Amino acid sequence: MGATDTIWNLCVDTMKYWINQHCANVVDDIKNCYNVTGPLRFCTEIEPQGTGSVVLNNVSYPEDHSDQYFANVYFNAIAVPNENYYFDHWEATDFTLPDSIIRSDSIQWHFDSVSCIKAVFKLKEPYNLVGEPIVPTGFSPNGDGNNDLLNVYGTRETTDFNLEIYNRWGQRLFQSSDKTKGWDGTYNGAEAPVGVYAYTFKVTIDGEIIQKSGSITLIR
């Protein structure tokens, strides 16, 4: 290594030192001037992934995000769902949100500790979804409020609708011409047994007739 290289490296090291010192001074100056603390770690999370985004203090994060922020300030968060989803609630980690605001898509709170906030989104009803009309491979009509009805997804723009369900012997168990009415897994008032069933549906979207058939699995 020549003298020129030595001098160059010395200059670079000196520059790094003064930059680091300057950054530390900037942090201290901000804390003293604005009466803030930290910086402290804060993260935003989205559940399920790909269903929406969180706008934190006017910056949008479509994926899980973690960074350092000054504390002793107020934070603002807005939950923005993607097209086929809706915002359901917030979940806070290491701090508490009042029950009165956890279902509000726009909230404010005092940030003063290492913590996280999660926006939980849920899929809209099948008849409020856009996209290719499909039937899921199965459903579980057990009354838990999750996947209790079988219906055709992606029928928001349909003008004509028909869904039929058959058992393995070809007996029709269910028929609906109302896209908001799915099969609840019963026949003549009794629970249909666990097993595989056939479906067929025919819908009209923008003048195009779409007809499909297949099988679904009923589980409880």
Protein backbone atom coordinates (compact mmCIF):
# COMPACT_ATOMS: atom_id res chain seq x y z
CA MET A 1 0.00 0.00 0.00
CA GLY A 2 1.47 3.33 -1.03
CA ALA A 3 1.43 6.65 0.77
CA THR A 4 -1.44 7.84 -1.39
CA ASP A 5 -3.60 4.86 -0.33
CA THR A 6 -2.73 5.43 3.31
CA ILE A 7 -3.72 9.07 3.14
CA TRP A 8 -6.95 8.16 1.31
CA ASN A 9 -7.96 5.58 3.94
CA LEU A 10 -7.14 8.03 6.72
CA CYS A 11 -9.37 10.65 5.11
CA VAL A 12 -12.22 8.17 4.71
CA ASP A 13 -11.94 7.03 8.34
CA THR A 14 -11.90 10.65 9.50
CA MET A 15 -14.99 11.41 7.42
CA LYS A 16 -16.84 8.39 8.85
CA TYR A 17 -15.97 9.52 12.39
CA TRP A 18 -17.31 13.02 11.89
CA ILE A 19 -20.46 11.77 10.14
CA ASN A 20 -21.18 9.45 13.06
CA GLN A 21 -20.55 12.25 15.52
CA HIS A 22 -22.80 14.56 13.54
CA CYS A 23 -25.62 11.97 13.48
CA ALA A 24 -25.37 11.49 17.22
CA ASN A 25 -25.49 15.26 17.72
CA VAL A 26 -28.54 15.55 15.43
CA VAL A 27 -30.41 12.91 17.47
CA ASP A 28 -29.55 14.69 20.72
CA ASP A 29 -30.56 18.05 19.29
CA ILE A 30 -33.94 16.71 18.15
CA LYS A 31 -34.60 15.14 21.55
CA ASN A 32 -33.67 18.34 23.38
CA CYS A 33 -35.58 20.62 21.02
CA TYR A 34 -38.81 18.66 20.71
CA ASN A 35 -38.96 16.86 24.07
CA VAL A 36 -38.96 13.40 22.49
CA THR A 37 -37.31 10.20 23.65
CA GLY A 38 -35.79 7.19 21.92
CA PRO A 39 -35.38 6.36 19.13
CA LEU A 40 -37.35 3.17 19.83
CA ARG A 41 -38.31 0.25 17.63
CA PHE A 42 -41.85 0.16 16.23
CA CYS A 43 -43.30 -2.28 13.70
CA THR A 44 -46.42 -2.58 11.58
CA GLU A 45 -47.84 -5.95 10.57
CA ILE A 46 -50.53 -7.11 8.12
CA GLU A 47 -52.66 -10.24 8.49
CA PRO A 48 -53.02 -12.09 6.19
CA GLN A 49 -50.12 -10.90 4.06
CA GLY A 50 -51.11 -9.27 0.78
CA THR A 51 -54.59 -8.24 1.90
CA GLY A 52 -53.98 -4.56 2.58
CA SER A 53 -51.54 -1.95 3.84
CA VAL A 54 -50.90 0.27 6.86
CA VAL A 55 -50.35 4.00 6.42
CA LEU A 56 -48.20 5.01 9.40
CA ASN A 57 -47.75 8.76 9.83
CA ASN A 58 -48.56 9.31 6.11
CA VAL A 59 -46.16 6.60 4.86
CA SER A 60 -47.74 3.48 3.32
CA TYR A 61 -46.40 0.02 4.18
CA PRO A 62 -47.95 -2.83 2.12
CA GLU A 63 -45.83 -5.43 3.97
CA ASP A 64 -44.61 -6.00 7.52
CA HIS A 65 -42.25 -3.17 8.48
CA SER A 66 -39.95 -2.34 11.40
CA ASP A 67 -37.93 0.82 12.07
CA GLN A 68 -36.65 3.21 14.76
CA TYR A 69 -38.81 6.21 15.69
CA PHE A 70 -38.68 9.02 18.19
CA ALA A 71 -41.05 8.44 21.09
CA ASN A 72 -43.20 10.59 23.38
CA VAL A 73 -45.19 11.61 20.32
CA TYR A 74 -48.57 10.75 18.82
CA PHE A 75 -48.73 8.19 16.02
CA ASN A 76 -51.44 7.94 13.36
CA ALA A 77 -52.29 4.73 11.50
CA ILE A 78 -54.79 4.01 8.75
CA ALA A 79 -55.70 0.50 7.58
CA VAL A 80 -56.26 0.32 3.80
CA PRO A 81 -57.72 -2.98 2.53
CA ASN A 82 -57.10 -4.38 -0.93
CA GLU A 83 -60.04 -4.64 -3.32
CA ASN A 84 -61.50 -7.98 -2.18
CA TYR A 85 -60.91 -7.44 1.55
CA TYR A 86 -62.20 -5.27 4.38
CA PHE A 87 -60.52 -4.03 7.55
CA ASP A 88 -61.65 -5.94 10.65
CA HIS A 89 -59.59 -4.82 13.66
CA TRP A 90 -56.23 -3.78 15.11
CA GLU A 91 -54.06 -5.89 17.40
CA ALA A 92 -51.48 -4.08 19.56
CA THR A 93 -48.35 -5.66 21.02
CA ASP A 94 -46.73 -4.27 24.19
CA PHE A 95 -49.22 -1.43 24.47
CA THR A 96 -53.00 -1.12 24.76
CA LEU A 97 -55.55 0.38 22.43
CA PRO A 98 -58.97 1.31 23.83
CA ASP A 99 -61.76 -1.07 22.83
CA SER A 100 -63.60 1.92 21.35
CA ILE A 101 -61.09 2.33 18.51
CA ILE A 102 -59.73 -1.15 17.69
CA ARG A 103 -62.30 -1.52 14.90
CA SER A 104 -61.79 1.96 13.51
CA ASP A 105 -59.67 1.99 10.34
CA SER A 106 -58.07 5.32 11.34
CA ILE A 107 -56.57 5.65 14.82
CA GLN A 108 -54.19 7.76 16.92
CA TRP A 109 -52.27 6.84 20.08
CA HIS A 110 -49.30 7.97 22.18
CA PHE A 111 -46.08 6.16 21.22
CA ASP A 112 -43.72 5.75 24.17
CA SER A 113 -42.31 2.21 24.12
CA VAL A 114 -40.97 -0.54 21.88
CA SER A 115 -44.14 -2.00 20.35
CA CYS A 116 -46.03 -3.16 17.25
CA ILE A 117 -49.46 -2.81 15.71
CA LYS A 118 -51.17 -5.27 13.38
CA ALA A 119 -53.97 -4.58 10.91
CA VAL A 120 -56.23 -7.61 10.44
CA PHE A 121 -58.17 -7.83 7.18
CA LYS A 122 -60.83 -10.32 6.14
CA LEU A 123 -62.17 -11.53 2.82
CA LYS A 124 -65.42 -9.95 1.68
CA GLU A 125 -68.53 -12.02 1.14
CA PRO A 126 -68.36 -14.15 -2.04
CA TYR A 127 -71.01 -12.02 -3.75
CA ASN A 128 -68.98 -8.86 -3.10
CA LEU A 129 -65.78 -10.20 -4.68
CA VAL A 130 -64.49 -9.41 -8.14
CA GLY A 131 -62.42 -11.75 -10.27
CA GLU A 132 -62.93 -15.11 -11.96
CA PRO A 133 -66.01 -16.87 -10.51
CA ILE A 134 -64.87 -19.95 -8.56
CA VAL A 135 -66.10 -22.35 -5.89
CA PRO A 136 -63.70 -23.27 -3.06
CA THR A 137 -62.60 -26.89 -2.71
CA GLY A 138 -64.36 -27.29 0.62
CA PHE A 139 -66.24 -25.68 3.52
CA SER A 140 -66.99 -26.39 7.17
CA PRO A 141 -70.57 -25.56 8.24
CA ASN A 142 -69.91 -25.94 11.97
CA GLY A 143 -71.27 -22.61 13.17
CA ASP A 144 -67.91 -21.02 14.02
CA GLY A 145 -68.53 -18.11 11.64
CA ASN A 146 -65.63 -19.11 9.41
CA ASN A 147 -66.27 -20.74 6.01
CA ASP A 148 -69.77 -21.87 7.10
CA LEU A 149 -71.44 -21.34 3.72
CA LEU A 150 -70.59 -22.66 0.28
CA ASN A 151 -71.02 -20.12 -2.48
CA VAL A 152 -69.54 -18.89 -5.75
CA TYR A 153 -66.76 -16.35 -5.26
CA GLY A 154 -66.33 -13.37 -7.60
CA THR A 155 -69.98 -12.66 -8.42
CA ARG A 156 -70.25 -8.96 -7.56
CA GLU A 157 -70.92 -8.00 -11.18
CA THR A 158 -73.25 -10.90 -12.05
CA THR A 159 -76.69 -10.25 -13.50
CA ASP A 160 -77.89 -13.89 -13.59
CA PHE A 161 -76.93 -16.55 -11.07
CA ASN A 162 -77.64 -20.22 -10.47
CA LEU A 163 -75.91 -22.65 -8.10
CA GLU A 164 -76.80 -26.30 -7.56
CA ILE A 165 -75.37 -28.92 -5.19
CA TYR A 166 -75.71 -32.72 -5.64
CA ASN A 167 -74.79 -35.74 -3.56
CA ARG A 168 -72.91 -38.79 -4.90
CA TRP A 169 -76.14 -40.37 -6.14
CA GLY A 170 -77.06 -37.36 -8.26
CA GLN A 171 -79.77 -36.10 -5.90
CA ARG A 172 -80.04 -32.32 -5.86
CA LEU A 173 -79.67 -31.03 -2.29
CA PHE A 174 -79.56 -27.29 -2.88
CA GLN A 175 -80.39 -24.71 -5.54
CA SER A 176 -80.17 -20.94 -5.44
CA SER A 177 -80.73 -18.17 -7.96
CA ASP A 178 -79.75 -15.55 -5.34
CA LYS A 179 -75.98 -14.94 -5.26
CA THR A 180 -76.18 -13.86 -1.60
CA LYS A 181 -77.61 -17.24 -0.53
CA GLY A 182 -75.08 -20.06 -0.23
CA TRP A 183 -75.47 -23.67 0.91
CA ASP A 184 -75.30 -24.13 4.68
CA GLY A 185 -74.62 -27.87 4.50
CA THR A 186 -78.14 -29.02 5.32
CA TYR A 187 -80.86 -30.90 3.42
CA ASN A 188 -84.50 -30.95 4.49
CA GLY A 189 -83.51 -29.34 7.78
CA ALA A 190 -80.89 -31.98 8.70
CA GLU A 191 -77.10 -31.78 8.51
CA ALA A 192 -75.67 -33.35 5.37
CA PRO A 193 -73.00 -35.94 6.17
CA VAL A 194 -69.28 -35.21 5.84
CA GLY A 195 -68.08 -36.12 2.36
CA VAL A 196 -67.66 -35.06 -1.25
CA TYR A 197 -70.45 -33.29 -3.17
CA ALA A 198 -70.82 -32.08 -6.73
CA TYR A 199 -71.66 -28.53 -7.75
CA THR A 200 -72.58 -26.71 -10.90
CA PHE A 201 -73.04 -22.99 -11.38
CA LYS A 202 -73.97 -20.66 -14.21
CA VAL A 203 -73.52 -16.90 -14.01
CA THR A 204 -73.64 -13.97 -16.41
CA ILE A 205 -71.04 -11.18 -16.15
CA ASP A 206 -70.96 -8.31 -18.66
CA GLY A 207 -73.14 -10.34 -21.01
CA GLU A 208 -70.82 -13.38 -20.89
CA ILE A 209 -72.23 -16.68 -19.61
CA ILE A 210 -69.81 -18.60 -17.38
CA GLN A 211 -70.66 -22.17 -16.44
CA LYS A 212 -68.53 -24.51 -14.33
CA SER A 213 -68.89 -27.74 -12.37
CA GLY A 214 -66.73 -29.72 -9.95
CA SER A 215 -66.60 -31.25 -6.49
CA ILE A 216 -66.32 -29.86 -2.97
CA THR A 217 -65.63 -31.46 0.40
CA LEU A 218 -67.89 -30.88 3.37
CA ILE A 219 -66.10 -31.12 6.73
CA ARG A 220 -67.23 -30.23 10.23
